[in-house]
Protein backbone atom coordinates (compact mmCIF):
# COMPACT_ATOMS: atom_id res chain seq x y z
CA LYS A 1 13.61 14.53 -1.80
CA PRO A 2 11.50 14.84 1.38
CA ASP A 3 9.15 17.72 1.73
CA LEU A 4 7.54 18.81 5.00
CA PHE A 5 4.72 21.27 5.30
CA LEU A 6 4.11 22.64 8.87
CA MET A 7 1.33 24.89 10.30
CA ARG A 8 0.89 26.91 13.27
CA THR A 9 -2.01 29.05 14.47
CA SER A 10 -1.90 32.10 16.69
CA ALA A 11 -3.18 29.92 19.57
CA THR A 12 -0.21 27.45 19.37
CA GLU A 13 3.35 27.88 20.20
CA LYS A 14 4.85 25.13 18.05
CA PHE A 15 4.39 24.23 14.43
CA ARG A 16 2.61 20.93 13.64
CA LEU A 17 3.56 18.66 10.77
CA ASN A 18 0.55 18.93 8.57
CA LYS A 19 1.87 17.10 5.53
CA PHE A 20 4.83 14.97 4.63
CA GLU A 21 5.99 13.61 1.19
CA ALA A 22 9.16 12.10 -0.15
CA ALA A 23 10.38 10.48 -3.25
CA ILE A 24 13.39 8.82 -4.55
CA ILE A 25 14.22 9.58 -8.20
CA PRO A 26 17.07 7.82 -10.18
CA VAL A 27 18.66 10.05 -12.64
CA LYS A 28 21.33 9.86 -15.42
CA ARG A 29 23.96 12.72 -15.94
CA VAL A 30 24.16 13.93 -19.43
CA LEU A 31 26.22 16.72 -20.79
CA LEU A 32 24.23 19.56 -21.98
CA ALA A 33 24.31 20.44 -25.69
CA ARG A 34 25.22 23.99 -24.93
CA PRO A 35 26.82 24.08 -21.48
CA GLY A 36 27.11 27.38 -19.64
CA GLU A 37 23.79 28.82 -20.89
CA ALA A 38 21.29 30.17 -18.30
CA SER A 39 19.56 27.36 -16.67
CA THR A 40 17.15 26.56 -13.71
CA ILE A 41 20.03 25.21 -11.47
CA SER A 42 19.97 26.10 -7.91
CA THR A 43 21.85 24.88 -4.83
CA LYS A 44 18.85 25.60 -2.51
CA VAL A 45 16.80 22.58 -1.54
CA ALA A 46 13.65 24.72 -1.61
CA ASP A 47 14.05 25.28 -5.38
CA TYR A 48 13.57 21.57 -5.99
CA GLN A 49 10.37 21.11 -4.02
CA GLY A 50 7.19 20.29 -5.87
CA GLY A 51 6.18 17.73 -8.47
CA LEU A 52 7.50 14.33 -9.69
CA ASN A 53 8.39 13.45 -13.30
CA ILE A 54 7.32 10.57 -15.31
CA VAL A 55 10.44 8.64 -16.15
CA GLY A 56 11.98 9.67 -19.40
CA GLY A 57 10.54 13.26 -19.43
CA GLY A 58 12.58 16.24 -20.52
CA GLY A 59 12.88 18.97 -23.23
CA ALA A 60 14.76 19.07 -26.47
CA ASP A 61 18.00 17.84 -24.91
CA GLY A 62 16.25 15.84 -22.21
CA CYS A 63 16.59 18.47 -19.50
CA THR A 64 13.81 20.70 -18.01
CA THR A 65 14.03 19.84 -14.41
CA TYR A 66 17.42 19.16 -12.92
CA THR A 67 20.51 20.90 -14.36
CA ASP A 68 23.62 22.59 -12.92
CA GLY A 69 24.43 24.45 -16.27
CA THR A 70 26.91 21.83 -17.36
CA TYR A 71 24.99 18.55 -16.85
CA CYS A 72 21.54 17.51 -17.05
CA PHE A 73 20.13 14.89 -14.61
CA VAL A 74 17.51 13.01 -16.69
CA PRO A 75 15.08 10.73 -14.70
CA GLN A 76 15.53 7.16 -15.43
CA ALA A 77 13.77 3.90 -14.60
CA PHE A 78 14.73 2.13 -11.22
CA PRO A 79 17.25 -0.74 -11.69
CA THR A 80 15.70 -4.08 -11.00
CA GLY A 81 16.42 -6.29 -7.97
CA ILE A 82 17.45 -3.36 -5.75
CA THR A 83 15.65 -2.15 -2.60
CA PHE A 84 15.76 1.59 -1.70
CA GLY A 85 15.03 3.37 1.49
CA LEU A 86 15.22 6.79 3.50
CA ASP A 87 15.97 7.53 7.02
CA LEU A 88 14.51 10.81 8.29
CA ARG A 89 15.12 12.45 11.80
CA LEU A 90 12.06 14.61 12.40
CA SER A 91 11.52 17.05 15.26
CA ALA A 92 7.83 16.04 15.41
CA SER A 93 5.97 12.86 15.08
CA VAL A 94 4.28 11.76 11.79
CA TYR A 95 0.62 11.39 12.62
CA GLY A 96 -2.11 9.44 10.74
CA TRP A 97 -1.69 7.52 7.53
CA LEU A 98 0.85 7.48 4.67
CA HIS A 99 0.23 6.13 1.19
CA GLY A 100 2.90 5.32 -1.29
CA ARG A 101 4.27 3.88 -4.50
CA PHE A 102 6.49 1.05 -3.57
CA LYS A 103 6.42 -2.71 -2.67
CA ASN A 104 6.91 -4.65 0.47
CA PRO A 105 7.83 -1.68 2.85
CA ASP A 106 9.71 -2.27 6.17
CA ILE A 107 8.97 0.53 8.56
CA THR A 108 10.56 1.63 11.83
CA VAL A 109 9.57 4.58 13.88
CA GLY A 110 12.06 5.19 16.72
CA VAL A 111 13.39 7.99 19.03
CA ASN A 112 15.17 10.85 17.27
CA PRO A 113 18.37 10.89 19.33
CA ALA A 114 18.86 14.62 18.56
CA ASN A 115 15.33 15.65 19.64
CA LYS A 116 13.36 14.01 22.44
CA ASP A 117 10.06 15.23 20.98
CA GLY A 118 10.84 13.88 17.54
CA VAL A 119 11.03 10.54 15.71
CA GLU A 120 13.33 8.78 13.45
CA LEU A 121 11.38 7.31 10.58
CA THR A 122 12.94 4.68 8.28
CA ILE A 123 11.14 3.18 5.26
CA ILE A 124 12.73 0.57 3.23
CA ALA A 125 10.97 -0.70 0.07
CA GLU A 126 11.19 -1.93 -3.48
CA PRO A 127 10.16 0.46 -6.39
CA ILE A 128 7.10 -0.49 -8.43
CA LYS A 129 5.80 0.18 -11.91
CA ILE A 130 2.61 2.06 -12.30
CA PRO A 131 0.40 1.60 -15.52
CA VAL A 132 -0.46 4.92 -17.03
CA VAL A 133 -3.75 5.27 -18.82
CA GLY A 134 -3.68 7.60 -21.85
CA GLY A 135 -5.06 8.24 -25.33
CA PHE A 136 -7.32 10.60 -27.40
CA ILE A 137 -10.91 9.95 -28.33
CA LYS A 138 -13.27 12.06 -30.49
CA SER A 139 -15.95 14.04 -28.61
CA ALA A 140 -18.51 13.04 -31.19
CA THR A 141 -18.17 9.35 -30.48
CA ALA A 142 -16.96 9.42 -26.82
CA PRO A 143 -18.85 7.40 -24.31
CA ALA A 144 -21.40 9.52 -22.21
CA GLU A 145 -19.54 8.46 -19.07
CA VAL A 146 -16.39 10.10 -20.30
CA LEU A 147 -18.11 13.30 -21.85
CA LYS A 148 -19.70 14.10 -18.53
CA TYR A 149 -16.38 15.08 -17.03
CA PHE A 150 -16.00 17.76 -19.72
CA SER A 151 -19.76 18.97 -19.59
CA GLN A 152 -18.67 22.22 -17.67
CA THR A 153 -16.00 24.66 -18.14
CA PRO A 154 -13.07 25.25 -17.51
CA TYR A 155 -11.87 22.14 -19.01
CA TRP A 156 -8.85 20.51 -17.08
CA GLY A 157 -5.50 20.35 -18.81
CA ASN A 158 -4.20 21.91 -21.93
CA VAL A 159 -6.59 23.22 -24.55
CA ARG A 160 -6.15 24.10 -28.24
CA GLY A 161 -8.84 25.24 -30.66
CA ARG A 162 -9.57 25.95 -34.33
CA GLY A 163 -9.08 29.54 -35.87
CA ASN A 164 -8.65 32.74 -33.75
CA ASN A 165 -12.01 32.87 -32.08
CA TRP A 166 -11.94 29.86 -29.87
CA THR A 167 -11.88 30.12 -26.07
CA LYS A 168 -11.78 27.56 -23.29
CA SER A 169 -15.64 27.71 -23.08
CA SER A 170 -16.09 26.79 -26.79
CA PRO A 171 -17.73 23.64 -27.67
CA LEU A 172 -15.78 20.34 -27.27
CA SER A 173 -16.10 19.74 -31.04
CA GLU A 174 -14.00 22.88 -31.55
CA LEU A 175 -11.35 22.04 -28.90
CA THR A 176 -8.58 19.54 -28.45
CA VAL A 177 -8.22 18.81 -24.74
CA SER A 178 -5.31 17.19 -22.95
CA HIS A 179 -6.58 16.11 -19.60
CA GLU A 180 -3.92 15.45 -17.11
CA HIS A 181 -2.99 15.28 -13.34
CA PHE A 182 -5.34 12.69 -11.85
CA ASP A 183 -5.33 13.28 -8.06
CA PRO A 184 -6.74 10.38 -5.97
CA SER A 185 -10.48 10.93 -5.08
CA GLN A 186 -13.78 9.08 -5.54
CA GLU A 187 -14.68 11.22 -8.61
CA VAL A 188 -11.30 10.60 -10.28
CA PHE A 189 -11.51 6.94 -9.37
CA ASN A 190 -14.76 6.72 -11.31
CA GLU A 191 -13.25 8.77 -14.22
CA VAL A 192 -10.27 6.53 -14.68
CA ARG A 193 -12.59 3.55 -14.75
CA ALA A 194 -14.59 5.25 -17.47
CA TRP A 195 -11.50 5.99 -19.38
CA LEU A 196 -10.30 2.46 -19.21
CA ASN A 197 -13.54 1.22 -20.82
CA ALA A 198 -13.10 3.90 -23.65
CA LEU A 199 -9.37 3.03 -24.19
CA GLY A 200 -9.53 -0.75 -24.27
CA ASP A 201 -8.39 -1.52 -20.76
CA LYS A 202 -4.72 -1.16 -21.66
CA SER A 203 -1.84 1.03 -20.38
CA VAL A 204 0.47 3.15 -22.65
CA ALA A 205 3.50 3.07 -20.26
CA GLU A 206 4.54 1.56 -16.99
CA PRO A 207 7.06 4.04 -15.32
CA SER A 208 8.65 3.08 -12.08
CA TYR A 209 8.16 5.03 -8.75
CA TRP A 210 9.39 5.17 -5.13
CA LEU A 211 7.40 7.71 -3.27
CA VAL A 212 5.31 8.24 -0.05
CA GLN A 213 3.06 10.99 1.41
CA THR A 214 0.56 11.69 4.02
CA VAL A 215 -3.25 11.22 3.55
CA ALA A 216 -6.19 12.33 5.60
CA ASN A 217 -7.46 10.21 8.52
CA GLY A 218 -10.19 7.78 8.14
CA GLY A 219 -13.83 8.19 9.56
CA ASP A 220 -15.72 6.66 12.37
CA VAL A 221 -13.82 3.78 14.21
CA LEU A 222 -10.69 3.88 12.04
CA GLY A 223 -10.47 7.75 12.50
CA LYS A 224 -10.93 7.50 16.25
CA CYS A 225 -8.18 4.83 16.69
CA THR A 226 -5.95 6.88 14.38
CA ALA A 227 -6.32 9.96 16.40
CA GLU A 228 -5.78 8.06 19.66
CA SER A 229 -2.58 6.38 18.48
CA LYS A 230 -0.69 9.90 18.55
CA ALA A 231 1.73 8.28 16.06
CA LEU A 232 2.07 6.92 12.56
CA ALA A 233 -1.08 4.79 12.07
CA GLY A 234 0.04 2.94 8.96
CA ILE A 235 1.10 2.98 5.28
CA VAL A 236 -1.05 1.73 2.35
CA THR A 237 0.84 1.07 -1.02
CA THR A 238 -0.27 -0.22 -4.34
CA ASN A 239 0.86 -0.36 -8.04
CA ALA A 240 -2.75 0.37 -9.08
CA THR A 241 -3.31 3.43 -11.61
CA MET A 242 -5.82 4.88 -9.24
CA TYR A 243 -7.03 4.15 -5.65
CA LEU A 244 -9.21 5.96 -3.19
CA PRO A 245 -7.20 8.29 -0.85
CA GLY A 246 -6.86 7.66 2.78
CA PRO A 247 -6.66 4.46 4.88
CA PRO A 248 -8.82 1.40 4.02
CA THR A 249 -12.48 1.77 5.02
CA PHE A 250 -13.75 -0.20 8.00
CA ASP A 251 -16.87 -2.09 7.33
CA GLN A 252 -18.74 -2.32 10.80
CA ALA A 253 -21.22 -5.11 9.59
CA THR A 254 -18.17 -7.53 8.54
CA SER A 255 -15.43 -6.11 10.70
CA VAL A 256 -13.29 -6.00 7.43
CA LEU A 257 -10.89 -3.34 6.10
CA ASP A 258 -11.81 -2.71 2.48
CA TYR A 259 -9.61 -0.93 -0.07
CA LYS A 260 -10.50 -0.11 -3.63
CA VAL A 261 -8.09 -0.08 -6.62
CA VAL A 262 -8.38 0.40 -10.41
CA ALA A 263 -5.78 -0.22 -13.13
CA PRO A 264 -5.64 -1.60 -16.77
CA HIS A 265 -6.14 -5.22 -17.15
CA PHE A 266 -3.32 -5.30 -19.82
CA THR A 267 0.17 -3.67 -20.19
CA ARG A 268 1.16 -1.73 -23.23
CA ASN A 269 2.57 -5.10 -24.60
CA GLY A 270 -0.73 -6.88 -24.06
CA GLU A 271 0.40 -8.88 -20.94
CA VAL A 272 -1.85 -9.24 -17.96
CA PHE A 273 -0.98 -6.67 -15.42
CA LEU A 274 -0.62 -8.06 -11.88
CA GLY A 275 -1.46 -5.91 -8.90
CA THR A 276 0.48 -5.51 -5.62
CA TYR A 277 -1.04 -4.28 -2.36
CA ASN A 278 0.71 -3.69 1.06
CA LEU A 279 -0.80 -2.53 4.22
CA SER A 280 1.46 -1.85 7.37
CA ILE A 281 -0.75 -0.93 10.23
CA ASN A 282 0.36 0.18 13.65
CA SER A 283 -0.36 -2.77 15.94
CA LYS A 284 -1.85 -0.50 18.63
CA VAL A 285 -4.20 0.95 16.03
CA ALA A 286 -5.26 -2.41 14.70
CA ARG A 287 -6.10 -3.75 18.30
CA CYS A 288 -8.14 -0.48 18.83
CA ILE A 289 -10.23 -0.99 15.64
CA TYR A 290 -11.13 -4.47 16.68
CA GLY A 291 -11.02 -4.11 20.49
CA PHE A 292 -8.31 -6.77 20.65
CA SER A 293 -6.12 -7.50 23.66
CA SER A 294 -2.36 -7.57 23.49
CA ALA A 295 -2.37 -11.25 22.39
CA PRO A 296 -0.79 -11.91 18.91
CA ILE A 297 -2.94 -10.98 15.80
CA SER A 298 -3.35 -13.00 12.75
CA ALA A 299 -5.15 -11.90 9.55
CA THR A 300 -6.57 -12.89 6.11
CA VAL A 301 -6.42 -10.99 2.87
CA SER A 302 -8.89 -11.59 0.06
CA ILE A 303 -9.36 -9.88 -3.33
CA THR A 304 -12.73 -9.76 -5.00
CA SER A 305 -13.27 -8.52 -8.56
CA SER A 306 -16.05 -6.18 -9.63
CA ASP A 307 -18.15 -9.31 -10.94
CA GLY A 308 -18.04 -10.80 -7.41
CA ASN A 309 -15.47 -13.59 -8.27
CA SER A 310 -12.33 -14.18 -6.05
CA ARG A 311 -9.05 -13.33 -7.48
CA VAL A 312 -6.11 -15.74 -6.91
CA ALA A 313 -3.14 -13.91 -5.09
CA THR A 314 -0.25 -14.65 -2.98
CA THR A 315 -0.89 -13.14 0.51
CA THR A 316 1.39 -12.83 3.51
CA VAL A 317 0.92 -11.63 7.16
CA SER A 318 3.69 -10.72 9.65
CA GLU A 319 4.20 -8.51 12.63
CA ARG A 320 7.48 -6.62 13.36
CA ASN A 321 8.75 -3.29 14.61
CA GLY A 322 5.30 -2.55 16.05
CA PHE A 323 3.56 -2.78 12.77
CA LEU A 324 1.27 -5.54 11.37
CA ASN A 325 2.28 -6.13 7.84
CA LEU A 326 -0.19 -7.62 5.24
CA ALA A 327 0.49 -8.13 1.55
CA ALA A 328 -1.31 -9.42 -1.48
CA TYR A 329 0.63 -10.03 -4.80
CA GLY A 330 -0.27 -11.31 -8.26
CA PHE A 331 -3.92 -10.51 -8.53
CA GLU A 332 -5.59 -9.17 -11.75
CA PHE A 333 -7.33 -5.88 -12.43
CA SER A 334 -9.42 -3.95 -13.66
CA ASP A 335 -11.54 -3.16 -10.50
CA PRO A 336 -10.93 -5.33 -7.45
CA THR A 337 -11.73 -4.85 -3.89
CA ILE A 338 -9.00 -5.80 -1.24
CA SER A 339 -10.28 -7.01 2.01
CA VAL A 340 -8.32 -7.54 5.20
CA LYS A 341 -9.73 -9.26 8.29
CA LEU A 342 -7.79 -9.30 11.62
CA ILE A 343 -8.20 -12.18 13.98
CA GLY A 344 -7.32 -11.85 17.65
CA GLU A 345 -8.51 -12.16 21.31
CA LYS A 346 -11.11 -9.70 22.36
CA VAL A 347 -10.42 -7.43 25.31
CA GLY A 348 -12.01 -8.72 28.59
CA SER A 349 -12.60 -12.19 27.08
CA ALA A 350 -11.72 -15.02 29.45
CA PRO A 351 -9.01 -17.29 27.98
CA VAL A 352 -10.43 -20.58 26.85
CA ALA A 353 -9.07 -23.37 28.95
CA ALA A 354 -7.69 -26.40 27.29
CA PRO A 355 -10.10 -29.51 27.82
CA LYS A 356 -8.74 -31.88 30.29
CA PRO A 357 -7.87 -35.26 28.81
CA ALA A 358 -10.27 -38.01 29.55
CA PRO A 359 -8.87 -40.61 31.99
CA VAL A 360 -7.43 -43.60 30.42
CA THR A 361 -9.02 -46.89 31.46
CA LYS A 362 -6.32 -49.63 31.67
CA THR A 363 -7.57 -53.17 30.98
CA LYS A 364 -6.31 -55.94 33.32
CA VAL A 365 -5.12 -59.14 31.63
CA THR A 366 -4.33 -62.69 32.80
CA ILE A 367 -1.23 -64.59 32.03
CA THR A 368 -0.14 -68.25 32.89
CA CYS A 369 3.30 -68.92 34.23
CA VAL A 370 4.96 -72.43 34.49
CA LYS A 371 7.91 -73.84 36.34
CA GLY A 372 8.30 -77.58 35.85
CA LYS A 373 5.16 -79.13 37.25
CA PHE A 374 4.00 -75.91 38.92
CA THR A 375 1.55 -73.47 37.26
CA LYS A 376 0.53 -69.98 38.36
CA LYS A 377 -2.16 -67.50 36.86
CA LEU A 378 -1.40 -63.92 37.41
CA THR A 379 -4.04 -61.07 36.69
CA SER A 380 -3.16 -57.36 36.63
CA VAL A 381 -2.71 -54.41 34.36
CA ALA A 382 0.85 -55.42 33.37
CA PRO A 383 1.59 -58.95 34.87
CA GLN A 384 5.06 -60.38 34.96
CA CYS A 385 6.09 -63.92 35.73
CA PRO A 386 8.03 -64.41 38.96
CA ALA A 387 11.70 -65.34 38.96
CA GLY A 388 12.12 -68.95 37.70
CA TYR A 389 8.79 -69.04 35.94
CA LYS A 390 8.13 -68.70 32.13
CA LYS A 391 5.12 -67.24 30.47
CA LYS A 392 3.05 -69.97 28.79
C-alpha cells in the first residue's frame, strides 16, 4: 500500500517526490453477513489511499474499510517469526529521512532498470507491536498537565455533551471528549508523557505494524549533510508509542546523535514493555556529519533513562549496502534517550604509524665441550660443540 505525493511549481518541469509512505496490512477474508449490498469496494488504487487501521477494527460485521461486496478483508495481527518487505521502482530518488514501524530493517537503494533517473528501493524488516495509550479520566480530578491540552477550543477528537444546549465550546465538565490521532511532534510527545502519568504508565493494547514514511530533514549539520547526499539519508524505526519526528538530533558538544522516545513501562498484562530502536544511516551522510574519511566506521549505542541511569540493552553495529546499521533492543521505558556515537578516522588526519619493535638484544653464552682428554670452551649467542665433542 505505497502512497507517493509529488509536487511541481510553475518554474520546474518535473515533479519532485515530496512525501512517501507505505504499509503492509495483513487481512482475513470474511463472508459478509448480507452479500451484494452497496459497499465501498473499488478496483481503483486511489480509493484505498489514506489512513491505517488499528488491528481488529471494523463495524458491526467487522467490515468498514476493505470489502468487495461479497467478502470483507478484516485487518489482523501479523504472524510471528515472519519477515516482510517491499520492492519499489521509483522514477525519482527518495531524498531525506524515513521513519517507520518495524524492526531490524535491511535497506537497499539501487538503479531502477526501467528509468535511469529513478531508484529501486527495497526494505525488508520484521513487524513490531506498538503500545497504545488509552483511557478516560474525569476533568474535575485530571492532572493540570493533562487539562492544559483542553484549555482552548476546539477540542480535538469526538465530543458529546449533556442536554440539547451543549456546544464544542461548552465547559469540559459538560462534555465527554475522546481525544485521538496523536501525530509525532514535540508538543504531542509531552502530552503522551502526561497521559502516561495519569493512566498508570500502562498500555491498553499492543497492535502490530509494518509501515514507513518520509520525515523532514534535520537542522544544522545533520540537515546540511542530508541535503548534500542527494539520496536517502537514513531510516529511524522504533516500537515506542511516541517519538520526536525527523532524524536524530546532532549534539555538537558531544558529537552524538540523540533520539527521544516515550512509551508505557508496562503492557496491558502488566509485563515490562521492552523497547527496540534501529537507525540505518547512509554511510556518506554519516561521514559528512563527523568529517570522517572513507575508512571503516564503528559506533557505540547507549540508552539513558529520564532519571539519568543507564539502561541495559543489546546493541549491534554493522555496515552493508551503503548503510551503517545500528540497533538497540531490550531496553525499558518510560522516557529514555538513545544516543549513537560514530567512531572513525578524520579527513586529513595522517595515519598513525605502528611503533617499530625495539631491537632484541641477544645474550652470549659460554659452553664447555670435551673429547677424551681434550677440553674446549666456546662463547657465542648459540654455541654448538664441534664434531666429536660433547657438551659438558
